[in-house]
Each structure stands twice: as structure tokens, then as C-alpha cells.
Amino acid sequence: MKPFWSGKNAIVTGEASGIGFALAAELVARGARVWAADIDVAGAKRAAASPGSGVQPVTLYVRDAAAFRDFVEGVTRDAAGIDFLFNNAGILCIPGKSTNSTLRD
């Protein structure tokens, strides 16, 4: 029987460290192809080199909706589909300060 993750295509954002790094490494270990996106170019490349050849590092600022859409559409086209999207990238929140933002912002 084929393992569940084997041959699946996954996107992981926030992959340069922490949970995203561990998630990408585990997905590759289980046979998935991973596109690892992070705003930290050097960190994404280091992290992608660590788990193995199944990770494609991509520089991406997840708050840029057009760039995010282009990235997902490109992976969908190049990989013939995306099976999983792990939108793990974090956005810093400053205690005591809040803003109301739209997608356009």
C-alpha cells in the first residue's frame, strides 16, 4: 500500500524556522514534494537544504495577495495541482495595538 503522503504536493509558508521548518522536514520524510515559502530568503534556502531534495524554497511575503496568488497558481500549474496548503507564516502582533485591515491593505 502506498503511504498517504507519498507523491503529494504541499505548500508550507513560514518555513525558514520553527513549526514551518519541522513541518516541511516531516512532509519530505514522508514522501511529499514541498514548496517552502518564506520572506527570509536565506533562512528558507538553509531550511530547504536541511530536509533534503524534496523542498523547493520560494521567497514570498504572504501579505502580498497578488504575489501569494501568483505563487499558488504557479505551483498548481507546475505540479499539476496542490494537495495541501499549510499557511503557517506568522505576522507579528504588538500587544496593546490593533488595526483594522482589509485584504487590499
C-alpha atoms as a PDB file:
ATOM      1  CA  MET A   1       0.000   0.000   0.000  1.00  0.00           C
ATOM      2  CA  LYS A   2       1.259   3.493  -0.929  1.00  0.00           C
ATOM      3  CA  PRO A   3       1.898   5.765   2.088  1.00  0.00           C
ATOM      4  CA  PHE A   4      -0.620   8.626   2.334  1.00  0.00           C
ATOM      5  CA  TRP A   5       1.868  11.494   1.855  1.00  0.00           C
ATOM      6  CA  SER A   6       3.912   9.848  -0.894  1.00  0.00           C
ATOM      7  CA  GLY A   7       3.784  11.844  -4.131  1.00  0.00           C
ATOM      8  CA  LYS A   8       1.557  14.579  -2.677  1.00  0.00           C
ATOM      9  CA  ASN A   9       2.265  18.267  -3.349  1.00  0.00           C
ATOM     10  CA  ALA A  10       2.318  20.644  -0.390  1.00  0.00           C
ATOM     11  CA  ILE A  11       2.958  24.329   0.198  1.00  0.00           C
ATOM     12  CA  VAL A  12       4.295  25.393   3.593  1.00  0.00           C
ATOM     13  CA  THR A  13       4.551  29.098   4.421  1.00  0.00           C
ATOM     14  CA  GLY A  14       6.776  30.356   7.228  1.00  0.00           C
ATOM     15  CA  GLU A  15       9.205  27.529   6.575  1.00  0.00           C
ATOM     16  CA  ALA A  16      12.523  29.175   7.465  1.00  0.00           C
ATOM     17  CA  SER A  17      12.263  28.195  11.140  1.00  0.00           C
ATOM     18  CA  GLY A  18      10.142  26.729  13.894  1.00  0.00           C
ATOM     19  CA  ILE A  19       6.916  24.894  13.105  1.00  0.00           C
ATOM     20  CA  GLY A  20       7.170  25.538   9.356  1.00  0.00           C
ATOM     21  CA  PHE A  21      10.690  24.096   9.239  1.00  0.00           C
ATOM     22  CA  ALA A  22       9.682  20.994  11.194  1.00  0.00           C
ATOM     23  CA  LEU A  23       6.537  20.524   9.104  1.00  0.00           C
ATOM     24  CA  ALA A  24       8.423  20.748   5.789  1.00  0.00           C
ATOM     25  CA  ALA A  25      11.056  18.284   7.024  1.00  0.00           C
ATOM     26  CA  GLU A  26       8.407  15.799   8.143  1.00  0.00           C
ATOM     27  CA  LEU A  27       6.447  16.068   4.896  1.00  0.00           C
ATOM     28  CA  VAL A  28       9.591  15.369   2.867  1.00  0.00           C
ATOM     29  CA  ALA A  29      10.467  12.438   5.129  1.00  0.00           C
ATOM     30  CA  ARG A  30       7.006  11.022   4.381  1.00  0.00           C
ATOM     31  CA  GLY A  31       7.460  11.360   0.613  1.00  0.00           C
ATOM     32  CA  ALA A  32       5.739  14.664  -0.209  1.00  0.00           C
ATOM     33  CA  ARG A  33       7.053  17.317  -2.585  1.00  0.00           C
ATOM     34  CA  VAL A  34       7.178  20.619  -0.713  1.00  0.00           C
ATOM     35  CA  TRP A  35       7.261  24.232  -1.864  1.00  0.00           C
ATOM     36  CA  ALA A  36       8.592  26.148   1.131  1.00  0.00           C
ATOM     37  CA  ALA A  37       7.755  29.852   1.154  1.00  0.00           C
ATOM     38  CA  ASP A  38       9.186  32.448   3.500  1.00  0.00           C
ATOM     39  CA  ILE A  39      10.090  36.127   3.476  1.00  0.00           C
ATOM     40  CA  ASP A  40      13.503  35.169   4.930  1.00  0.00           C
ATOM     41  CA  VAL A  41      15.351  34.192   1.732  1.00  0.00           C
ATOM     42  CA  ALA A  42      18.496  32.870   3.396  1.00  0.00           C
ATOM     43  CA  GLY A  43      16.529  31.012   6.065  1.00  0.00           C
ATOM     44  CA  ALA A  44      14.251  29.381   3.502  1.00  0.00           C
ATOM     45  CA  LYS A  45      17.248  28.190   1.469  1.00  0.00           C
ATOM     46  CA  ARG A  46      19.012  26.822   4.574  1.00  0.00           C
ATOM     47  CA  ALA A  47      15.878  25.099   5.766  1.00  0.00           C
ATOM     48  CA  ALA A  48      15.164  23.683   2.311  1.00  0.00           C
ATOM     49  CA  ALA A  49      18.673  22.231   2.119  1.00  0.00           C
ATOM     50  CA  SER A  50      18.307  20.571   5.506  1.00  0.00           C
ATOM     51  CA  PRO A  51      15.318  18.251   4.952  1.00  0.00           C
ATOM     52  CA  GLY A  52      16.500  17.066   1.536  1.00  0.00           C
ATOM     53  CA  SER A  53      15.914  17.432  -2.152  1.00  0.00           C
ATOM     54  CA  GLY A  54      12.113  17.361  -1.895  1.00  0.00           C
ATOM     55  CA  VAL A  55      11.867  21.022  -0.865  1.00  0.00           C
ATOM     56  CA  GLN A  56      11.698  23.953  -3.294  1.00  0.00           C
ATOM     57  CA  PRO A  57      12.484  27.220  -1.444  1.00  0.00           C
ATOM     58  CA  VAL A  58      10.497  30.278  -2.551  1.00  0.00           C
ATOM     59  CA  THR A  59      10.776  33.869  -1.368  1.00  0.00           C
ATOM     60  CA  LEU A  60       7.298  35.123  -0.525  1.00  0.00           C
ATOM     61  CA  TYR A  61       5.758  37.910   1.526  1.00  0.00           C
ATOM     62  CA  VAL A  62       2.424  36.340   2.452  1.00  0.00           C
ATOM     63  CA  ARG A  63       0.709  39.713   2.987  1.00  0.00           C
ATOM     64  CA  ASP A  64       1.188  40.478  -0.714  1.00  0.00           C
ATOM     65  CA  ALA A  65      -2.057  38.964  -2.015  1.00  0.00           C
ATOM     66  CA  ALA A  66      -1.062  39.204  -5.686  1.00  0.00           C
ATOM     67  CA  ALA A  67       2.302  37.528  -5.051  1.00  0.00           C
ATOM     68  CA  PHE A  68       0.632  34.810  -2.981  1.00  0.00           C
ATOM     69  CA  ARG A  69      -1.935  34.155  -5.720  1.00  0.00           C
ATOM     70  CA  ASP A  70       0.787  34.055  -8.396  1.00  0.00           C
ATOM     71  CA  PHE A  71       2.836  31.638  -6.283  1.00  0.00           C
ATOM     72  CA  VAL A  72      -0.085  29.251  -5.711  1.00  0.00           C
ATOM     73  CA  GLU A  73      -1.124  29.404  -9.368  1.00  0.00           C
ATOM     74  CA  GLY A  74       2.474  28.706 -10.455  1.00  0.00           C
ATOM     75  CA  VAL A  75       2.815  25.676  -8.176  1.00  0.00           C
ATOM     76  CA  THR A  76      -0.602  24.426  -9.294  1.00  0.00           C
ATOM     77  CA  ARG A  77       0.446  24.683 -12.928  1.00  0.00           C
ATOM     78  CA  ASP A  78       3.974  23.255 -12.495  1.00  0.00           C
ATOM     79  CA  ALA A  79       2.996  20.410 -10.166  1.00  0.00           C
ATOM     80  CA  ALA A  80      -0.369  19.618 -11.758  1.00  0.00           C
ATOM     81  CA  GLY A  81      -2.142  20.519  -8.537  1.00  0.00           C
ATOM     82  CA  ILE A  82      -1.701  21.191  -4.840  1.00  0.00           C
ATOM     83  CA  ASP A  83      -2.836  18.618  -2.323  1.00  0.00           C
ATOM     84  CA  PHE A  84      -2.141  20.600   0.864  1.00  0.00           C
ATOM     85  CA  LEU A  85      -1.543  24.223   1.862  1.00  0.00           C
ATOM     86  CA  PHE A  86      -0.106  24.810   5.324  1.00  0.00           C
ATOM     87  CA  ASN A  87      -0.437  28.565   5.792  1.00  0.00           C
ATOM     88  CA  ASN A  88       1.917  28.709   8.747  1.00  0.00           C
ATOM     89  CA  ALA A  89       3.606  32.116   8.295  1.00  0.00           C
ATOM     90  CA  GLY A  90       3.205  34.317  11.328  1.00  0.00           C
ATOM     91  CA  ILE A  91       2.511  38.003  11.480  1.00  0.00           C
ATOM     92  CA  LEU A  92       3.866  39.922  14.464  1.00  0.00           C
ATOM     93  CA  CYS A  93       1.264  41.386  16.762  1.00  0.00           C
ATOM     94  CA  ILE A  94       2.198  44.212  19.103  1.00  0.00           C
ATOM     95  CA  PRO A  95       0.399  43.985  22.467  1.00  0.00           C
ATOM     96  CA  GLY A  96      -1.988  46.874  23.032  1.00  0.00           C
ATOM     97  CA  LYS A  97      -2.022  47.953  19.402  1.00  0.00           C
ATOM     98  CA  SER A  98      -4.582  46.838  16.881  1.00  0.00           C
ATOM     99  CA  THR A  99      -5.531  47.865  13.385  1.00  0.00           C
ATOM    100  CA  ASN A 100      -8.366  47.091  11.070  1.00  0.00           C
ATOM    101  CA  SER A 101      -7.076  45.968   7.697  1.00  0.00           C
ATOM    102  CA  THR A 102      -8.691  44.769   4.529  1.00  0.00           C
ATOM    103  CA  LEU A 103      -7.233  42.280   2.070  1.00  0.00           C
ATOM    104  CA  ARG A 104      -6.250  45.253  -0.076  1.00  0.00           C
ATOM    105  CA  ASP A 105      -4.122  46.640   2.797  1.00  0.00           C
END
